[in-house]
C-alpha atoms as a PDB file:
ATOM      1  CA  ALA A   1       5.394 -32.012   1.627  1.00  0.00           C
ATOM      2  CA  SER A   2       4.629 -31.092   5.188  1.00  0.00           C
ATOM      3  CA  PHE A   3       7.156 -29.470   7.583  1.00  0.00           C
ATOM      4  CA  ASN A   4       8.134 -31.261  10.834  1.00  0.00           C
ATOM      5  CA  VAL A   5       7.170 -28.373  13.240  1.00  0.00           C
ATOM      6  CA  SER A   6       8.335 -30.403  16.139  1.00  0.00           C
ATOM      7  CA  GLY A   7      11.927 -31.140  14.520  1.00  0.00           C
ATOM      8  CA  HIS A   8      14.820 -31.768  16.067  1.00  0.00           C
ATOM      9  CA  VAL A   9      17.062 -28.883  14.079  1.00  0.00           C
ATOM     10  CA  ALA A  10      14.429 -26.248  15.815  1.00  0.00           C
ATOM     11  CA  ARG A  11      15.801 -27.102  18.748  1.00  0.00           C
ATOM     12  CA  ILE A  12      19.299 -27.041  18.614  1.00  0.00           C
ATOM     13  CA  SER A  13      20.408 -24.046  20.535  1.00  0.00           C
ATOM     14  CA  ASP A  14      24.156 -24.563  21.162  1.00  0.00           C
ATOM     15  CA  GLU A  15      27.159 -24.736  18.491  1.00  0.00           C
ATOM     16  CA  CYS A  16      26.683 -27.695  16.354  1.00  0.00           C
ATOM     17  CA  ASN A  17      29.713 -29.864  15.770  1.00  0.00           C
ATOM     18  CA  GLU A  18      29.976 -32.601  13.095  1.00  0.00           C
ATOM     19  CA  ASN A  19      28.452 -35.332  15.462  1.00  0.00           C
ATOM     20  CA  ARG A  20      25.410 -33.187  16.604  1.00  0.00           C
ATOM     21  CA  ALA A  21      24.713 -32.156  12.608  1.00  0.00           C
ATOM     22  CA  LEU A  22      24.887 -36.094  11.668  1.00  0.00           C
ATOM     23  CA  ASP A  23      22.367 -36.894  14.541  1.00  0.00           C
ATOM     24  CA  ALA A  24      20.137 -33.790  13.290  1.00  0.00           C
ATOM     25  CA  LEU A  25      20.186 -35.132   9.737  1.00  0.00           C
ATOM     26  CA  ASP A  26      19.216 -38.766  10.804  1.00  0.00           C
ATOM     27  CA  ALA A  27      16.265 -36.764  13.299  1.00  0.00           C
ATOM     28  CA  ASP A  28      15.025 -34.352  10.981  1.00  0.00           C
ATOM     29  CA  PRO A  29      16.347 -34.477   7.568  1.00  0.00           C
ATOM     30  CA  LEU A  30      13.794 -31.939   6.358  1.00  0.00           C
ATOM     31  CA  GLY A  31      14.757 -29.717   8.515  1.00  0.00           C
ATOM     32  CA  VAL A  32      18.470 -29.564   8.093  1.00  0.00           C
ATOM     33  CA  VAL A  33      17.525 -29.318   4.145  1.00  0.00           C
ATOM     34  CA  THR A  34      14.951 -26.389   4.681  1.00  0.00           C
ATOM     35  CA  HIS A  35      17.869 -24.695   7.108  1.00  0.00           C
ATOM     36  CA  TYR A  36      20.559 -25.405   4.422  1.00  0.00           C
ATOM     37  CA  ALA A  37      18.340 -24.168   1.752  1.00  0.00           C
ATOM     38  CA  ILE A  38      16.974 -20.999   3.271  1.00  0.00           C
ATOM     39  CA  ALA A  39      20.705 -20.189   4.149  1.00  0.00           C
ATOM     40  CA  LYS A  40      22.095 -20.349   0.840  1.00  0.00           C
ATOM     41  CA  LEU A  41      19.001 -18.464  -0.401  1.00  0.00           C
ATOM     42  CA  HIS A  42      20.024 -15.812   1.740  1.00  0.00           C
ATOM     43  CA  THR A  43      23.270 -15.857   0.658  1.00  0.00           C
ATOM     44  CA  ILE A  44      22.550 -15.555  -2.878  1.00  0.00           C
ATOM     45  CA  LEU A  45      20.190 -12.515  -2.248  1.00  0.00           C
ATOM     46  CA  THR A  46      23.127 -10.962  -0.593  1.00  0.00           C
ATOM     47  CA  THR A  47      25.424 -11.496  -3.440  1.00  0.00           C
ATOM     48  CA  LEU A  48      22.721 -10.027  -5.859  1.00  0.00           C
ATOM     49  CA  CYS A  49      22.552  -7.055  -3.526  1.00  0.00           C
ATOM     50  CA  SER A  50      26.388  -6.443  -3.808  1.00  0.00           C
ATOM     51  CA  PRO A  51      28.617  -4.077  -5.886  1.00  0.00           C
ATOM     52  CA  TRP A  52      29.758  -7.171  -7.814  1.00  0.00           C
ATOM     53  CA  ALA A  53      26.265  -7.844  -8.853  1.00  0.00           C
ATOM     54  CA  ALA A  54      25.340  -4.371  -9.688  1.00  0.00           C
ATOM     55  CA  GLU A  55      28.752  -3.975 -12.316  1.00  0.00           C
ATOM     56  CA  ASN A  56      27.938  -7.509 -13.632  1.00  0.00           C
ATOM     57  CA  GLY A  57      23.966  -6.636 -14.444  1.00  0.00           C
ATOM     58  CA  VAL A  58      22.689  -9.166 -12.221  1.00  0.00           C
ATOM     59  CA  SER A  59      20.086  -8.358 -10.043  1.00  0.00           C
ATOM     60  CA  ILE A  60      17.210  -9.723  -7.861  1.00  0.00           C
ATOM     61  CA  GLY A  61      14.909  -8.800 -10.449  1.00  0.00           C
ATOM     62  CA  ASN A  62      16.423 -10.521 -13.555  1.00  0.00           C
ATOM     63  CA  VAL A  63      16.478 -13.471 -11.291  1.00  0.00           C
ATOM     64  CA  PHE A  64      13.431 -13.967  -9.378  1.00  0.00           C
ATOM     65  CA  TYR A  65      10.999 -12.115 -11.770  1.00  0.00           C
ATOM     66  CA  ALA A  66      10.638 -13.949 -15.295  1.00  0.00           C
ATOM     67  CA  GLY A  67       9.539 -13.155 -18.648  1.00  0.00           C
ATOM     68  CA  MET A  68       9.480  -9.607 -20.616  1.00  0.00           C
ATOM     69  CA  GLU A  69       6.611  -8.679 -18.306  1.00  0.00           C
ATOM     70  CA  GLY A  70       8.820  -9.125 -15.089  1.00  0.00           C
ATOM     71  CA  ASP A  71       6.291 -11.336 -13.289  1.00  0.00           C
ATOM     72  CA  LEU A  72       7.146 -12.958  -9.894  1.00  0.00           C
ATOM     73  CA  ILE A  73       8.294 -16.656 -10.470  1.00  0.00           C
ATOM     74  CA  GLU A  74       6.090 -19.009  -8.258  1.00  0.00           C
ATOM     75  CA  GLN A  75       8.662 -20.368  -6.056  1.00  0.00           C
ATOM     76  CA  TRP A  76       7.833 -17.377  -3.887  1.00  0.00           C
ATOM     77  CA  LYS A  77       5.152 -19.827  -2.367  1.00  0.00           C
ATOM     78  CA  SER A  78       7.403 -22.293  -0.896  1.00  0.00           C
ATOM     79  CA  LEU A  79       9.045 -19.421   1.267  1.00  0.00           C
ATOM     80  CA  LEU A  80       5.342 -18.589   2.549  1.00  0.00           C
ATOM     81  CA  ARG A  81       4.650 -22.468   3.564  1.00  0.00           C
ATOM     82  CA  VAL A  82       8.061 -22.337   5.581  1.00  0.00           C
ATOM     83  CA  ILE A  83       6.648 -18.939   7.190  1.00  0.00           C
ATOM     84  CA  SER A  84       3.096 -20.174   8.027  1.00  0.00           C
ATOM     85  CA  LYS A  85       3.409 -23.850   8.595  1.00  0.00           C
ATOM     86  CA  GLY A  86       7.117 -23.587  10.538  1.00  0.00           C
ATOM     87  CA  LYS A  87       5.558 -22.941  13.683  1.00  0.00           C
ATOM     88  CA  GLY A  88       8.162 -24.391  15.604  1.00  0.00           C
ATOM     89  CA  ASP A  89      11.226 -23.193  13.875  1.00  0.00           C
ATOM     90  CA  LEU A  90      11.972 -19.453  14.336  1.00  0.00           C
ATOM     91  CA  TYR A  91      14.997 -19.556  12.396  1.00  0.00           C
ATOM     92  CA  ALA A  92      13.426 -20.845   9.373  1.00  0.00           C
ATOM     93  CA  GLN A  93      10.435 -18.565   9.461  1.00  0.00           C
ATOM     94  CA  ARG A  94      12.433 -15.256  10.387  1.00  0.00           C
ATOM     95  CA  THR A  95      15.083 -16.185   7.376  1.00  0.00           C
ATOM     96  CA  ALA A  96      12.364 -17.233   5.152  1.00  0.00           C
ATOM     97  CA  ALA A  97      10.386 -13.815   5.724  1.00  0.00           C
ATOM     98  CA  LEU A  98      13.847 -12.008   5.339  1.00  0.00           C
ATOM     99  CA  CYS A  99      14.464 -13.707   1.845  1.00  0.00           C
ATOM    100  CA  LEU A 100      10.807 -13.168   0.403  1.00  0.00           C
ATOM    101  CA  ALA A 101      11.064  -9.252   1.854  1.00  0.00           C
ATOM    102  CA  GLN A 102      13.908  -8.894  -0.107  1.00  0.00           C
ATOM    103  CA  ILE A 103      12.951 -10.466  -3.354  1.00  0.00           C
ATOM    104  CA  LEU A 104       9.571  -8.649  -2.873  1.00  0.00           C
ATOM    105  CA  LEU A 105      11.287  -5.417  -2.244  1.00  0.00           C
ATOM    106  CA  ALA A 106      12.795  -5.583  -6.078  1.00  0.00           C
ATOM    107  CA  ALA A 107       9.196  -4.939  -7.155  1.00  0.00           C
ATOM    108  CA  CYS A 108       8.558  -1.842  -4.852  1.00  0.00           C
ATOM    109  CA  PRO A 109       8.099   1.298  -7.098  1.00  0.00           C
ATOM    110  CA  SER A 110      10.255   3.458  -4.442  1.00  0.00           C
ATOM    111  CA  GLN A 111      12.967   1.082  -4.987  1.00  0.00           C
ATOM    112  CA  ARG A 112      13.478   1.330  -8.653  1.00  0.00           C
ATOM    113  CA  LEU A 113      13.352   4.991  -8.389  1.00  0.00           C
ATOM    114  CA  SER A 114      16.520   4.951  -6.011  1.00  0.00           C
ATOM    115  CA  VAL A 115      18.315   2.489  -8.747  1.00  0.00           C
ATOM    116  CA  SER A 116      17.510   4.861 -11.467  1.00  0.00           C
ATOM    117  CA  ASN A 117      19.040   7.509  -9.650  1.00  0.00           C
ATOM    118  CA  SER A 118      22.447   5.577  -8.856  1.00  0.00           C
ATOM    119  CA  LYS A 119      25.618   5.614 -10.445  1.00  0.00           C
ATOM    120  CA  ASP A 120      25.125   2.095 -11.570  1.00  0.00           C
ATOM    121  CA  ALA A 121      21.599   2.900 -13.392  1.00  0.00           C
ATOM    122  CA  ASN A 122      22.520   2.779 -17.037  1.00  0.00           C
ATOM    123  CA  ALA A 123      24.575  -0.710 -16.583  1.00  0.00           C
ATOM    124  CA  LEU A 124      21.451  -2.095 -14.929  1.00  0.00           C
ATOM    125  CA  SER A 125      19.099  -0.757 -17.276  1.00  0.00           C
ATOM    126  CA  SER A 126      20.419  -2.412 -19.955  1.00  0.00           C
ATOM    127  CA  SER A 127      20.544  -6.017 -18.867  1.00  0.00           C
ATOM    128  CA  SER A 128      17.514  -6.032 -16.104  1.00  0.00           C
ATOM    129  CA  ARG A 129      13.959  -5.994 -16.823  1.00  0.00           C
ATOM    130  CA  VAL A 130      11.812  -4.283 -14.543  1.00  0.00           C
ATOM    131  CA  PRO A 131      10.276  -6.464 -12.009  1.00  0.00           C
ATOM    132  CA  SER A 132       6.130  -6.485 -12.219  1.00  0.00           C
ATOM    133  CA  TYR A 133       4.948  -4.652  -8.849  1.00  0.00           C
ATOM    134  CA  ALA A 134       1.452  -6.281  -9.755  1.00  0.00           C
ATOM    135  CA  SER A 135       2.898  -9.754  -9.610  1.00  0.00           C
ATOM    136  CA  ALA A 136       4.265  -8.971  -6.118  1.00  0.00           C
ATOM    137  CA  ILE A 137       1.102  -7.530  -4.246  1.00  0.00           C
ATOM    138  CA  GLU A 138      -0.442 -11.002  -3.442  1.00  0.00           C
ATOM    139  CA  PRO A 139       3.099 -11.975  -1.603  1.00  0.00           C
ATOM    140  CA  LEU A 140       3.621  -9.114  -0.181  1.00  0.00           C
ATOM    141  CA  GLU A 141       0.072  -9.072   1.637  1.00  0.00           C
ATOM    142  CA  ALA A 142       0.523 -12.940   2.746  1.00  0.00           C
ATOM    143  CA  LEU A 143       3.991 -11.555   4.242  1.00  0.00           C
ATOM    144  CA  THR A 144       2.465  -8.425   5.920  1.00  0.00           C
ATOM    145  CA  ALA A 145      -0.265 -10.623   7.621  1.00  0.00           C
ATOM    146  CA  TRP A 146       2.101 -12.738   8.810  1.00  0.00           C
END
């Protein structure tokens, strides 16, 4: 799927009422869905960083890094496509970059060290696998290049 880089949604600067939202959906359905999906992903990531998630043993690491090796799931490439091909839509680009950075940060060794020093380390270590830094190198390089 290609992204509509001159989409209607990218040009909305005022508050969006119901009629304007329906017009945007008719004019640029992919733009509306992209904004919605990225906003929901950001909400999920924020929840995964909350004290509730730590208490319940849920983390970015055990949601976005799969298998016993803790490899990054391939869906990160969708965020990179939004970042690199969404030239006309700064909201989508910036929010996708923020989400990708949050996901990749979970694999950084310095972040694992700070988690192991926290008071919730015992709860997390029993239920979380360690995210593979090696699987995050390629997307980290791509994000840094952007």
